[in-house]
C-alpha atoms as a PDB file:
ATOM      1  CA  MET A   1     286.469  26.065  70.982  1.00  0.00           C
ATOM      2  CA  LEU A   2     288.525  27.949  68.409  1.00  0.00           C
ATOM      3  CA  GLU A   3     288.988  26.514  64.945  1.00  0.00           C
ATOM      4  CA  LEU A   4     292.607  26.912  63.892  1.00  0.00           C
ATOM      5  CA  LEU A   5     294.867  25.470  61.217  1.00  0.00           C
ATOM      6  CA  TRP A   6     298.553  25.170  61.997  1.00  0.00           C
ATOM      7  CA  SER A   7     301.232  26.664  59.800  1.00  0.00           C
ATOM      8  CA  PRO A   8     305.012  26.491  60.273  1.00  0.00           C
ATOM      9  CA  PRO A   9     306.495  28.981  62.758  1.00  0.00           C
ATOM     10  CA  TRP A  10     308.589  32.010  61.945  1.00  0.00           C
ATOM     11  CA  ARG A  11     311.171  33.501  64.249  1.00  0.00           C
ATOM     12  CA  ALA A  12     310.134  37.017  65.223  1.00  0.00           C
ATOM     13  CA  ARG A  13     313.150  39.219  65.733  1.00  0.00           C
ATOM     14  CA  PRO A  14     314.074  42.476  64.016  1.00  0.00           C
ATOM     15  CA  LEU A  15     315.913  41.537  60.856  1.00  0.00           C
ATOM     16  CA  ALA A  16     318.998  43.644  61.556  1.00  0.00           C
ATOM     17  CA  SER A  17     319.361  41.879  64.902  1.00  0.00           C
ATOM     18  CA  LEU A  18     319.088  38.455  63.283  1.00  0.00           C
ATOM     19  CA  PHE A  19     321.944  39.134  60.909  1.00  0.00           C
ATOM     20  CA  ALA A  20     324.066  41.040  63.425  1.00  0.00           C
ATOM     21  CA  SER A  21     323.816  38.234  65.974  1.00  0.00           C
ATOM     22  CA  GLY A  22     325.164  35.669  63.550  1.00  0.00           C
ATOM     23  CA  ARG A  23     322.355  33.300  64.543  1.00  0.00           C
ATOM     24  CA  THR A  24     321.582  32.181  61.013  1.00  0.00           C
ATOM     25  CA  ARG A  25     321.447  28.418  61.550  1.00  0.00           C
ATOM     26  CA  ARG A  26     318.114  28.499  59.716  1.00  0.00           C
ATOM     27  CA  GLY A  27     319.582  30.456  56.831  1.00  0.00           C
ATOM     28  CA  GLU A  28     316.840  29.727  54.337  1.00  0.00           C
ATOM     29  CA  GLU A  29     314.135  30.638  56.855  1.00  0.00           C
ATOM     30  CA  VAL A  30     315.872  33.913  57.703  1.00  0.00           C
ATOM     31  CA  ALA A  31     316.226  34.776  54.016  1.00  0.00           C
ATOM     32  CA  ARG A  32     312.513  34.214  53.463  1.00  0.00           C
ATOM     33  CA  LEU A  33     311.667  36.287  56.538  1.00  0.00           C
ATOM     34  CA  HIS A  34     313.865  39.072  55.172  1.00  0.00           C
ATOM     35  CA  ARG A  35     311.955  38.906  51.920  1.00  0.00           C
ATOM     36  CA  TYR A  36     308.399  38.709  53.240  1.00  0.00           C
ATOM     37  CA  ALA A  37     308.113  40.026  56.827  1.00  0.00           C
ATOM     38  CA  LYS A  38     306.399  43.378  57.176  1.00  0.00           C
ATOM     39  CA  TYR A  39     307.422  45.954  59.782  1.00  0.00           C
ATOM     40  CA  CYS A  40     304.294  47.810  60.865  1.00  0.00           C
ATOM     41  CA  GLY A  41     305.965  50.399  63.093  1.00  0.00           C
ATOM     42  CA  GLN A  42     305.981  50.835  66.878  1.00  0.00           C
ATOM     43  CA  GLY A  43     307.825  47.566  67.369  1.00  0.00           C
ATOM     44  CA  ILE A  44     305.193  45.421  65.617  1.00  0.00           C
ATOM     45  CA  TRP A  45     306.220  42.754  63.094  1.00  0.00           C
ATOM     46  CA  GLU A  46     303.619  41.042  60.965  1.00  0.00           C
ATOM     47  CA  LEU A  47     304.765  37.556  60.009  1.00  0.00           C
ATOM     48  CA  PRO A  48     303.571  35.644  56.953  1.00  0.00           C
ATOM     49  CA  GLN A  49     301.219  32.681  57.075  1.00  0.00           C
ATOM     50  CA  GLU A  50     302.215  29.473  55.335  1.00  0.00           C
ATOM     51  CA  SER A  51     299.597  27.427  53.527  1.00  0.00           C
ATOM     52  CA  MET A  52     301.017  24.043  54.568  1.00  0.00           C
ATOM     53  CA  ALA A  53     299.127  22.544  57.508  1.00  0.00           C
ATOM     54  CA  SER A  54     299.651  19.575  59.807  1.00  0.00           C
ATOM     55  CA  PRO A  55     296.969  17.990  62.003  1.00  0.00           C
ATOM     56  CA  THR A  56     298.696  18.449  65.371  1.00  0.00           C
ATOM     57  CA  ALA A  57     300.968  21.087  66.902  1.00  0.00           C
ATOM     58  CA  LYS A  58     302.193  21.893  70.395  1.00  0.00           C
ATOM     59  CA  ILE A  59     303.317  25.433  71.198  1.00  0.00           C
ATOM     60  CA  PHE A  60     305.088  25.941  74.523  1.00  0.00           C
ATOM     61  CA  VAL A  61     304.195  29.334  76.028  1.00  0.00           C
ATOM     62  CA  LEU A  62     306.052  30.951  78.918  1.00  0.00           C
ATOM     63  CA  ALA A  63     306.594  34.393  80.380  1.00  0.00           C
ATOM     64  CA  ASP A  64     308.469  36.279  83.077  1.00  0.00           C
ATOM     65  CA  THR A  65     311.489  34.024  83.444  1.00  0.00           C
ATOM     66  CA  HIS A  66     313.452  36.872  85.096  1.00  0.00           C
ATOM     67  CA  ASN A  67     316.895  35.284  84.652  1.00  0.00           C
ATOM     68  CA  ARG A  68     315.774  31.741  85.553  1.00  0.00           C
ATOM     69  CA  LEU A  69     315.041  28.753  83.344  1.00  0.00           C
ATOM     70  CA  PRO A  70     314.503  25.669  85.541  1.00  0.00           C
ATOM     71  CA  GLU A  71     315.527  22.305  84.088  1.00  0.00           C
ATOM     72  CA  LYS A  72     311.918  21.130  84.259  1.00  0.00           C
ATOM     73  CA  VAL A  73     310.843  24.015  82.025  1.00  0.00           C
ATOM     74  CA  SER A  74     313.645  23.341  79.540  1.00  0.00           C
ATOM     75  CA  ALA A  75     312.683  19.676  79.348  1.00  0.00           C
ATOM     76  CA  MET A  76     309.070  20.549  78.530  1.00  0.00           C
ATOM     77  CA  ALA A  77     310.035  23.208  75.989  1.00  0.00           C
ATOM     78  CA  ALA A  78     312.272  20.759  74.123  1.00  0.00           C
ATOM     79  CA  GLU A  79     309.179  18.672  73.268  1.00  0.00           C
ATOM     80  CA  ALA A  80     307.384  21.588  71.573  1.00  0.00           C
ATOM     81  CA  ASP A  81     306.967  22.384  67.894  1.00  0.00           C
ATOM     82  CA  GLU A  82     307.454  26.061  68.714  1.00  0.00           C
ATOM     83  CA  ILE A  83     308.271  28.200  71.764  1.00  0.00           C
ATOM     84  CA  TRP A  84     306.623  31.559  72.491  1.00  0.00           C
ATOM     85  CA  HIS A  85     308.162  33.737  75.234  1.00  0.00           C
ATOM     86  CA  LEU A  86     305.939  36.625  76.298  1.00  0.00           C
ATOM     87  CA  GLY A  87     308.581  38.874  77.774  1.00  0.00           C
ATOM     88  CA  ASP A  88     310.738  39.656  80.808  1.00  0.00           C
ATOM     89  CA  VAL A  89     313.392  37.229  79.688  1.00  0.00           C
ATOM     90  CA  CYS A  90     315.963  39.546  81.308  1.00  0.00           C
ATOM     91  CA  ALA A  91     319.349  37.802  80.825  1.00  0.00           C
ATOM     92  CA  GLU A  92     319.838  37.056  77.126  1.00  0.00           C
ATOM     93  CA  ARG A  93     321.493  33.751  78.052  1.00  0.00           C
ATOM     94  CA  ILE A  94     317.964  32.490  78.862  1.00  0.00           C
ATOM     95  CA  LEU A  95     316.970  33.121  75.255  1.00  0.00           C
ATOM     96  CA  ASP A  96     320.136  31.380  74.068  1.00  0.00           C
ATOM     97  CA  GLU A  97     319.262  28.363  76.239  1.00  0.00           C
ATOM     98  CA  LEU A  98     315.760  28.220  74.761  1.00  0.00           C
ATOM     99  CA  ARG A  99     317.069  28.425  71.192  1.00  0.00           C
ATOM    100  CA  ALA A 100     319.562  25.656  71.901  1.00  0.00           C
ATOM    101  CA  LEU A 101     316.659  23.288  72.652  1.00  0.00           C
ATOM    102  CA  GLY A 102     315.761  23.148  68.956  1.00  0.00           C
ATOM    103  CA  PRO A 103     312.191  24.429  68.445  1.00  0.00           C
ATOM    104  CA  PRO A 104     311.957  27.905  66.843  1.00  0.00           C
ATOM    105  CA  VAL A 105     311.555  30.699  69.395  1.00  0.00           C
ATOM    106  CA  THR A 106     309.326  33.760  69.069  1.00  0.00           C
ATOM    107  CA  LEU A 107     309.592  36.430  71.759  1.00  0.00           C
ATOM    108  CA  VAL A 108     308.450  39.898  72.687  1.00  0.00           C
ATOM    109  CA  ARG A 109     310.204  42.444  74.891  1.00  0.00           C
ATOM    110  CA  GLY A 110     308.994  42.942  78.441  1.00  0.00           C
ATOM    111  CA  ASN A 111     309.293  46.015  80.639  1.00  0.00           C
ATOM    112  CA  CYS A 112     312.279  44.421  82.430  1.00  0.00           C
ATOM    113  CA  ASP A 113     314.127  43.578  79.215  1.00  0.00           C
ATOM    114  CA  SER A 114     316.868  45.962  78.112  1.00  0.00           C
ATOM    115  CA  GLN A 115     317.358  44.557  74.590  1.00  0.00           C
ATOM    116  CA  MET A 116     315.737  47.335  72.617  1.00  0.00           C
ATOM    117  CA  GLU A 117     315.994  45.387  69.349  1.00  0.00           C
ATOM    118  CA  TRP A 118     313.434  42.854  70.570  1.00  0.00           C
ATOM    119  CA  PRO A 119     309.892  43.590  69.321  1.00  0.00           C
ATOM    120  CA  LEU A 120     307.240  44.875  71.720  1.00  0.00           C
ATOM    121  CA  VAL A 121     304.423  43.211  69.792  1.00  0.00           C
ATOM    122  CA  VAL A 122     304.308  40.332  67.327  1.00  0.00           C
ATOM    123  CA  ASP A 123     301.211  39.563  65.241  1.00  0.00           C
ATOM    124  CA  LEU A 124     300.836  36.035  63.870  1.00  0.00           C
ATOM    125  CA  GLU A 125     298.155  34.612  61.610  1.00  0.00           C
ATOM    126  CA  ARG A 126     297.356  30.923  61.601  1.00  0.00           C
ATOM    127  CA  GLY A 127     294.634  29.567  59.367  1.00  0.00           C
ATOM    128  CA  GLY A 128     292.756  32.842  59.316  1.00  0.00           C
ATOM    129  CA  LEU A 129     292.941  33.312  63.108  1.00  0.00           C
ATOM    130  CA  LYS A 130     294.976  36.286  64.317  1.00  0.00           C
ATOM    131  CA  PHE A 131     297.230  36.079  67.390  1.00  0.00           C
ATOM    132  CA  ARG A 132     298.895  39.010  69.134  1.00  0.00           C
ATOM    133  CA  LEU A 133     301.879  38.434  71.440  1.00  0.00           C
ATOM    134  CA  GLN A 134     302.849  41.222  73.839  1.00  0.00           C
ATOM    135  CA  HIS A 135     304.121  41.480  77.390  1.00  0.00           C
ATOM    136  CA  ILE A 136     301.833  44.060  78.979  1.00  0.00           C
ATOM    137  CA  PRO A 137     298.155  43.358  78.249  1.00  0.00           C
ATOM    138  CA  PRO A 138     296.289  46.062  76.324  1.00  0.00           C
ATOM    139  CA  GLU A 139     293.751  48.153  78.223  1.00  0.00           C
ATOM    140  CA  ARG A 140     291.031  47.177  75.763  1.00  0.00           C
ATOM    141  CA  PRO A 141     290.635  44.343  73.265  1.00  0.00           C
ATOM    142  CA  PRO A 142     292.492  45.179  70.033  1.00  0.00           C
ATOM    143  CA  GLU A 143     290.655  45.311  66.744  1.00  0.00           C
ATOM    144  CA  ASN A 144     291.163  42.585  64.146  1.00  0.00           C
ATOM    145  CA  ILE A 145     292.773  40.210  66.661  1.00  0.00           C
ATOM    146  CA  ASP A 146     291.297  36.901  67.815  1.00  0.00           C
ATOM    147  CA  VAL A 147     293.696  35.887  70.591  1.00  0.00           C
ATOM    148  CA  VAL A 148     295.978  38.011  72.795  1.00  0.00           C
ATOM    149  CA  LEU A 149     298.774  36.231  74.656  1.00  0.00           C
ATOM    150  CA  HIS A 150     300.526  38.267  77.342  1.00  0.00           C
ATOM    151  CA  GLY A 151     302.572  38.082  80.529  1.00  0.00           C
ATOM    152  CA  HIS A 152     303.435  40.824  83.053  1.00  0.00           C
ATOM    153  CA  THR A 153     300.794  40.138  85.720  1.00  0.00           C
ATOM    154  CA  HIS A 154     302.409  36.868  86.888  1.00  0.00           C
ATOM    155  CA  VAL A 155     298.900  35.388  87.099  1.00  0.00           C
ATOM    156  CA  PRO A 156     297.414  32.816  84.672  1.00  0.00           C
ATOM    157  CA  ARG A 157     294.515  34.048  82.558  1.00  0.00           C
ATOM    158  CA  ASN A 158     291.917  32.561  80.228  1.00  0.00           C
ATOM    159  CA  GLU A 159     289.273  35.193  79.588  1.00  0.00           C
ATOM    160  CA  ARG A 160     287.215  36.412  76.671  1.00  0.00           C
ATOM    161  CA  LEU A 161     286.521  40.132  76.354  1.00  0.00           C
ATOM    162  CA  ARG A 162     284.371  41.531  73.526  1.00  0.00           C
ATOM    163  CA  GLY A 163     285.087  38.489  71.407  1.00  0.00           C
ATOM    164  CA  VAL A 164     288.869  38.493  71.985  1.00  0.00           C
ATOM    165  CA  LEU A 165     290.444  35.630  73.942  1.00  0.00           C
ATOM    166  CA  PHE A 166     293.089  36.762  76.477  1.00  0.00           C
ATOM    167  CA  LEU A 167     295.594  34.095  77.580  1.00  0.00           C
ATOM    168  CA  ASN A 168     298.427  34.330  80.114  1.00  0.00           C
ATOM    169  CA  PRO A 169     300.574  31.291  80.980  1.00  0.00           C
ATOM    170  CA  GLY A 170     301.484  32.697  84.391  1.00  0.00           C
ATOM    171  CA  CYS A 171     305.120  33.168  85.325  1.00  0.00           C
ATOM    172  CA  VAL A 172     308.175  30.982  85.716  1.00  0.00           C
ATOM    173  CA  THR A 173     309.397  33.056  88.682  1.00  0.00           C
ATOM    174  CA  ARG A 174     307.778  35.368  91.237  1.00  0.00           C
ATOM    175  CA  PRO A 175     304.148  34.151  91.094  1.00  0.00           C
ATOM    176  CA  ASN A 176     301.540  36.713  92.129  1.00  0.00           C
ATOM    177  CA  GLN A 177     298.176  36.724  93.933  1.00  0.00           C
ATOM    178  CA  GLY A 178     298.609  33.222  95.312  1.00  0.00           C
ATOM    179  CA  ALA A 179     299.172  31.641  91.893  1.00  0.00           C
ATOM    180  CA  ALA A 180     301.759  28.899  91.498  1.00  0.00           C
ATOM    181  CA  ALA A 181     304.646  29.232  89.060  1.00  0.00           C
ATOM    182  CA  SER A 182     303.414  27.980  85.699  1.00  0.00           C
ATOM    183  CA  VAL A 183     303.797  27.731  81.940  1.00  0.00           C
ATOM    184  CA  ALA A 184     301.241  26.631  79.346  1.00  0.00           C
ATOM    185  CA  TRP A 185     300.703  24.507  76.259  1.00  0.00           C
ATOM    186  CA  LEU A 186     298.802  25.846  73.293  1.00  0.00           C
ATOM    187  CA  GLU A 187     297.783  22.607  71.598  1.00  0.00           C
ATOM    188  CA  LEU A 188     296.224  22.359  68.164  1.00  0.00           C
ATOM    189  CA  HIS A 189     294.476  19.126  67.285  1.00  0.00           C
ATOM    190  CA  GLY A 190     292.700  18.827  63.967  1.00  0.00           C
ATOM    191  CA  GLY A 191     292.287  22.583  63.768  1.00  0.00           C
ATOM    192  CA  LYS A 192     291.010  23.012  67.352  1.00  0.00           C
ATOM    193  CA  LEU A 193     292.792  24.999  70.059  1.00  0.00           C
ATOM    194  CA  ASN A 194     293.329  23.740  73.605  1.00  0.00           C
ATOM    195  CA  TRP A 195     294.947  25.963  76.280  1.00  0.00           C
ATOM    196  CA  ARG A 196     296.536  23.958  79.086  1.00  0.00           C
ATOM    197  CA  PRO A 197     298.384  25.670  81.977  1.00  0.00           C
ATOM    198  CA  VAL A 198     300.980  23.520  83.758  1.00  0.00           C
ATOM    199  CA  GLY A 199     302.381  24.138  87.261  1.00  0.00           C
ATOM    200  CA  ILE A 200     306.161  23.790  87.524  1.00  0.00           C
ATOM    201  CA  ARG A 201     306.590  23.273  91.262  1.00  0.00           C
END
C-alpha cells in the first residue's frame, strides 16, 4: 500500500494554449501555474506540489475515449475531486464536456490525438510520491518515478516493475484482449492509495 498525501490539483496544459483558448475560469489558478510551472522539454510539464493536505481524495482516471463519453462515465466523473485523462481523447468536444463537469482536468496527448499543444507527459508530485501520466507506456520503468499511469493498450493494468507501479484504467471504447470497457478510481484515504477499476457496461 502506497503512502500518499493529497495536494490540490493543477491543470496540465501548455500555458500558451490555456490563454489562447480563453478557458480562464480559474484565473487565479492559471496565473499561479504561469508563475510556477516548469517546462522540462519534450512535452513534459512538471507541476508544483501544494503543502495543504486533506484526508480524502477521489481522482477519476480514464483513457481512450475515442470520441465517446457515455453518460454513465460523465456521471461518475462529476463526483471526483480531479479528473485525469490518459490520452486518445480524439474530438476536443470530449475534453470540453469533461471540463464542464466541474472537477479540474489533467490530460496527456495520445497517438490518436491531433492537438499538438497537449502535453505528451505530465509529472505530478503528491506528498513526496511522484506520478507520471502518459498515453503509451514506457518500455522500461522510468527513474525517479513512483507510479506510471498510462492508456493505449485498452487493457486494465496493475503491475509493479522494478519498484515502479504501472496502472492502466482500461478504455472507455474498443476494449482489447477480452477486457470490458472500464475506467478507474484512484482513491486516497488518510494518505493511502487505493486503485479501483470500474466496468462501465
